[in-house]
Amino acid sequence: MVNLAEKLKSRQSNVSGTELAQGLDTDKINPYIEKCFGIKKPLITVLRLLCAQCLTNNGFKPKMLEFYCREILQTYGFEHAYRTLSPLETAGLLRTQTSRSYNILRKSLKLVVEDVQEQNPNDIAYVFSGYAPLTVRLAQFLARPQGWRGLEEVLRLLPGPAVEEIQRLPPGLQKRPSAGGDSSVDGPPKVTLIYFIGGCTHAEISALRFLAQQENSPTDYLIATTKIINGKSLIESIMEEGVPDEANPFT
């Protein structure tokens, strides 16, 4: 019974996260997050949901952000003004509202897939129970013959510059077909190096492997990353980079 209760609690948290990814009622105070404050759920759990809601809503309205910040300070201690809120705001994970870019990204890149088949998946969205990792979806689009052409406006909504450059091997380094070989036989598959700067999750790795295993996959993927992360470790790393104790008036 204890294990069943734990699974139900975990499922409830996952459902809330899935609803946020779908963009459902993200412009309102989330009842589940509000409940987490009331029962004093672990701060990391609350912060992960808060950051997810903030990102999918393209920021909070000033009154919403003020409410959430006040609840964090009153529930978990005023030292988190320095240790938690300030670093998260600097990282852009907690901020006031800007444009509605997430909804455009969600629809244009098909980030949310209805009725995903987790046991017999047919889309990378299975790794997050219906949400496709943005990084992997971009890699999937890039593998098409036309690459990112047609997605220029969408790419401009993402933070940082988007650069597409084609480098070709000198003729002397290119593989030549063997004598008498059948020209109709396809050559070896392309290999795409995906390098995650800052870290990637096991789910993203699973999604890339899923793409490579498809019969019609135009490329194999070589994955490199500076670190393996998850939601918990990401939030913790940002909190660890907060103001040192000697500069914190609350300690």
Protein backbone atom coordinates (compact mmCIF):
# COMPACT_ATOMS: atom_id res chain seq x y z
CA MET A 1 0.00 0.00 0.00
CA VAL A 2 2.87 2.37 0.79
CA ASN A 3 4.44 1.77 -2.64
CA LEU A 4 1.05 2.31 -4.30
CA ALA A 5 0.59 5.61 -2.47
CA GLU A 6 4.05 6.78 -3.53
CA LYS A 7 3.33 5.89 -7.16
CA LEU A 8 0.03 7.78 -7.04
CA LYS A 9 1.78 10.86 -5.64
CA SER A 10 4.43 10.65 -8.35
CA ARG A 11 1.74 10.22 -10.99
CA GLN A 12 -0.07 13.31 -9.70
CA SER A 13 3.12 15.36 -10.06
CA ASN A 14 3.69 14.01 -13.58
CA VAL A 15 0.12 14.88 -14.59
CA SER A 16 0.66 18.44 -13.41
CA GLY A 17 3.90 18.67 -15.40
CA THR A 18 2.19 17.30 -18.52
CA GLU A 19 -0.61 19.85 -18.22
CA LEU A 20 1.96 22.63 -18.01
CA ALA A 21 3.70 21.34 -21.15
CA GLN A 22 0.35 21.46 -22.97
CA GLY A 23 -0.02 25.11 -21.99
CA LEU A 24 -3.22 24.50 -20.01
CA ASP A 25 -4.12 27.34 -17.60
CA THR A 26 -0.49 28.38 -17.27
CA ASP A 27 -1.57 32.02 -16.83
CA LYS A 28 -3.23 31.23 -13.49
CA ILE A 29 -2.02 30.20 -10.04
CA ASN A 30 -1.56 26.44 -10.35
CA PRO A 31 -3.72 24.61 -7.76
CA TYR A 32 -1.25 21.73 -7.41
CA ILE A 33 1.69 24.08 -6.83
CA GLU A 34 -0.41 25.99 -4.31
CA LYS A 35 -1.15 22.69 -2.56
CA CYS A 36 2.58 21.91 -2.49
CA PHE A 37 3.14 25.08 -0.50
CA GLY A 38 0.40 24.09 1.94
CA ILE A 39 1.90 20.66 2.71
CA LYS A 40 5.48 21.95 2.39
CA LYS A 41 6.63 19.68 -0.39
CA PRO A 42 10.41 19.59 -0.96
CA LEU A 43 11.50 22.96 -2.31
CA ILE A 44 13.19 21.41 -5.36
CA THR A 45 9.89 19.75 -6.37
CA VAL A 46 8.07 23.07 -6.14
CA LEU A 47 10.78 24.96 -8.03
CA ARG A 48 10.77 22.46 -10.91
CA LEU A 49 7.03 22.97 -11.39
CA LEU A 50 7.31 26.74 -11.00
CA CYS A 51 10.07 26.97 -13.60
CA ALA A 52 8.11 24.73 -15.97
CA GLN A 53 5.02 26.92 -15.63
CA CYS A 54 7.11 30.06 -16.10
CA LEU A 55 8.75 28.75 -19.28
CA THR A 56 5.53 27.45 -20.84
CA ASN A 57 3.75 30.73 -20.03
CA ASN A 58 6.68 32.86 -21.26
CA GLY A 59 6.98 34.35 -17.81
CA PHE A 60 4.55 35.24 -15.03
CA LYS A 61 2.30 38.22 -14.65
CA PRO A 62 3.80 40.50 -11.96
CA LYS A 63 1.14 39.58 -9.39
CA MET A 64 1.61 35.84 -10.02
CA LEU A 65 5.38 36.10 -9.65
CA GLU A 66 4.94 38.13 -6.48
CA PHE A 67 2.55 35.51 -5.06
CA TYR A 68 4.87 32.58 -5.79
CA CYS A 69 7.94 34.39 -4.42
CA ARG A 70 6.07 35.33 -1.25
CA GLU A 71 4.92 31.74 -0.74
CA ILE A 72 8.49 30.45 -1.13
CA LEU A 73 9.86 32.91 1.42
CA GLN A 74 7.08 32.33 3.94
CA THR A 75 7.13 28.55 3.57
CA TYR A 76 10.84 27.77 3.21
CA GLY A 77 12.60 30.77 4.75
CA PHE A 78 13.64 34.29 3.80
CA GLU A 79 17.21 33.19 3.05
CA HIS A 80 15.88 31.84 -0.25
CA ALA A 81 15.54 35.41 -1.51
CA TYR A 82 19.30 35.24 -2.05
CA ARG A 83 19.90 31.51 -2.30
CA THR A 84 17.09 30.64 -4.68
CA LEU A 85 14.97 33.40 -6.17
CA SER A 86 17.76 35.73 -7.25
CA PRO A 87 19.78 33.01 -9.09
CA LEU A 88 16.65 31.64 -10.79
CA GLU A 89 15.68 35.12 -11.97
CA THR A 90 19.21 35.70 -13.26
CA ALA A 91 19.03 32.40 -15.18
CA GLY A 92 15.70 33.45 -16.71
CA LEU A 93 13.80 30.55 -15.14
CA LEU A 94 11.64 32.88 -13.03
CA ARG A 95 10.71 36.12 -14.76
CA THR A 96 7.89 38.42 -15.71
CA GLN A 97 5.86 37.73 -18.82
CA THR A 98 7.06 38.55 -22.33
CA SER A 99 5.78 37.30 -25.70
CA ARG A 100 3.76 34.11 -26.20
CA SER A 101 6.59 32.30 -27.98
CA TYR A 102 6.11 28.92 -26.26
CA ASN A 103 2.68 28.36 -27.80
CA ILE A 104 4.13 29.02 -31.27
CA LEU A 105 7.00 26.61 -30.60
CA ARG A 106 4.64 23.97 -29.21
CA LYS A 107 2.44 24.02 -32.29
CA SER A 108 5.10 24.54 -34.98
CA LEU A 109 7.46 21.85 -33.67
CA LYS A 110 4.72 19.50 -32.42
CA LEU A 111 6.16 19.42 -28.92
CA VAL A 112 2.98 17.93 -27.43
CA VAL A 113 1.61 14.70 -28.90
CA GLU A 114 -1.85 13.46 -27.94
CA ASP A 115 -2.39 9.78 -27.09
CA VAL A 116 1.29 8.91 -27.16
CA GLN A 117 2.01 5.16 -27.05
CA GLU A 118 4.56 4.63 -24.30
CA GLN A 119 4.68 0.82 -24.65
CA ASN A 120 4.92 0.84 -28.45
CA PRO A 121 6.13 4.36 -29.21
CA ASN A 122 5.90 6.00 -32.60
CA ASP A 123 7.19 9.43 -31.61
CA ILE A 124 9.96 10.81 -29.40
CA ALA A 125 7.29 12.37 -27.17
CA TYR A 126 6.97 9.03 -25.35
CA VAL A 127 10.03 9.85 -23.23
CA PHE A 128 8.08 12.55 -21.37
CA SER A 129 4.60 11.01 -21.55
CA GLY A 130 3.48 13.20 -24.44
CA TYR A 131 6.07 15.99 -24.51
CA ALA A 132 8.82 15.91 -27.14
CA PRO A 133 12.17 17.35 -26.00
CA LEU A 134 12.76 20.55 -27.96
CA THR A 135 16.43 19.73 -28.58
CA VAL A 136 15.64 16.33 -30.09
CA ARG A 137 12.76 17.67 -32.18
CA LEU A 138 15.16 20.22 -33.67
CA ALA A 139 17.61 17.42 -34.46
CA GLN A 140 14.78 15.47 -36.09
CA PHE A 141 13.86 18.42 -38.32
CA LEU A 142 17.51 19.03 -39.19
CA ALA A 143 17.84 15.45 -40.48
CA ARG A 144 15.23 16.11 -43.17
CA PRO A 145 16.47 16.79 -46.73
CA GLN A 146 15.44 20.44 -46.40
CA GLY A 147 16.93 20.73 -42.91
CA TRP A 148 15.69 23.78 -41.01
CA ARG A 149 14.48 25.60 -44.10
CA GLY A 150 10.99 26.89 -43.43
CA LEU A 151 11.62 27.10 -39.68
CA GLU A 152 13.55 30.38 -39.70
CA GLU A 153 10.81 32.33 -37.89
CA VAL A 154 10.46 29.59 -35.29
CA LEU A 155 14.20 29.42 -34.64
CA ARG A 156 14.27 33.16 -33.97
CA LEU A 157 12.01 32.57 -30.97
CA LEU A 158 14.67 30.44 -29.28
CA PRO A 159 17.34 32.05 -27.09
CA GLY A 160 20.69 32.55 -28.76
CA PRO A 161 21.63 32.66 -32.45
CA ALA A 162 20.77 29.85 -34.88
CA VAL A 163 23.55 29.00 -37.33
CA GLU A 164 23.44 26.42 -40.10
CA GLU A 165 26.70 25.80 -41.94
CA ILE A 166 27.55 23.00 -44.37
CA GLN A 167 31.14 21.79 -44.50
CA ARG A 168 32.18 19.43 -47.27
CA LEU A 169 35.18 17.12 -47.33
CA PRO A 170 37.90 17.84 -49.87
CA PRO A 171 37.64 15.51 -52.91
CA GLY A 172 40.73 13.59 -51.79
CA LEU A 173 39.06 12.62 -48.48
CA GLN A 174 35.71 11.59 -49.90
CA LYS A 175 34.97 7.89 -50.17
CA ARG A 176 34.91 6.56 -53.70
CA PRO A 177 32.50 3.81 -54.80
CA SER A 178 34.17 0.44 -55.21
CA ALA A 179 34.85 -0.79 -58.74
CA GLY A 180 31.93 -2.77 -60.12
CA GLY A 181 29.78 -1.78 -57.17
CA ASP A 182 26.04 -1.33 -57.54
CA SER A 183 25.39 2.41 -57.65
CA SER A 184 21.79 1.82 -56.57
CA VAL A 185 22.87 0.56 -53.16
CA ASP A 186 22.80 3.30 -50.56
CA GLY A 187 26.07 4.21 -48.90
CA PRO A 188 26.70 4.24 -45.17
CA PRO A 189 24.28 6.39 -43.15
CA LYS A 190 25.21 9.89 -42.20
CA VAL A 191 26.41 10.54 -38.67
CA THR A 192 25.19 13.60 -36.78
CA LEU A 193 27.07 14.80 -33.71
CA ILE A 194 24.75 16.32 -31.11
CA TYR A 195 26.72 18.26 -28.49
CA PHE A 196 24.84 19.47 -25.42
CA ILE A 197 26.64 22.36 -23.73
CA GLY A 198 25.57 22.56 -20.09
CA GLY A 199 24.17 19.03 -19.93
CA CYS A 200 21.47 16.74 -21.27
CA THR A 201 19.00 14.32 -19.73
CA HIS A 202 18.70 10.55 -20.05
CA ALA A 203 15.33 11.17 -21.71
CA GLU A 204 16.94 13.20 -24.49
CA ILE A 205 19.48 10.43 -25.05
CA SER A 206 16.66 7.87 -25.23
CA ALA A 207 14.78 10.03 -27.73
CA LEU A 208 17.83 10.34 -30.00
CA ARG A 209 18.41 6.59 -29.83
CA PHE A 210 14.76 6.06 -30.75
CA LEU A 211 15.20 8.26 -33.84
CA ALA A 212 18.34 6.40 -34.92
CA GLN A 213 16.58 3.03 -34.60
CA GLN A 214 13.77 3.94 -37.00
CA GLU A 215 13.92 2.14 -40.35
CA ASN A 216 13.68 5.38 -42.32
CA SER A 217 16.21 7.24 -40.18
CA PRO A 218 18.51 9.27 -42.47
CA THR A 219 21.28 9.50 -39.89
CA ASP A 220 22.92 7.92 -36.88
CA TYR A 221 23.50 10.10 -33.84
CA LEU A 222 26.67 10.55 -31.85
CA ILE A 223 25.86 12.17 -28.50
CA ALA A 224 28.30 14.30 -26.51
CA THR A 225 27.58 16.41 -23.45
CA THR A 226 29.35 18.31 -20.73
CA LYS A 227 27.19 16.64 -18.07
CA ILE A 228 24.22 14.35 -17.47
CA ILE A 229 21.52 16.35 -15.70
CA ASN A 230 17.90 16.19 -14.62
CA GLY A 231 15.43 18.73 -13.32
CA LYS A 232 16.61 18.30 -9.73
CA SER A 233 20.32 18.63 -10.45
CA LEU A 234 19.75 21.64 -12.72
CA ILE A 235 17.87 23.57 -10.05
CA GLU A 236 20.39 22.55 -7.40
CA SER A 237 23.32 23.73 -9.53
CA ILE A 238 21.71 27.15 -9.93
CA MET A 239 21.03 27.39 -6.20
CA GLU A 240 24.63 26.41 -5.44
CA GLU A 241 25.80 29.38 -7.48
CA GLY A 242 23.85 31.79 -5.29
CA VAL A 243 25.18 34.46 -2.97
CA PRO A 244 27.75 33.11 -0.46
CA ASP A 245 26.79 32.94 3.20
CA GLU A 246 28.94 35.90 4.21
CA ALA A 247 26.98 38.12 1.78
CA ASN A 248 23.60 36.80 2.89
CA PRO A 249 22.02 38.92 5.68
CA PHE A 250 19.59 36.12 6.54
CA THR A 251 22.26 33.61 7.67
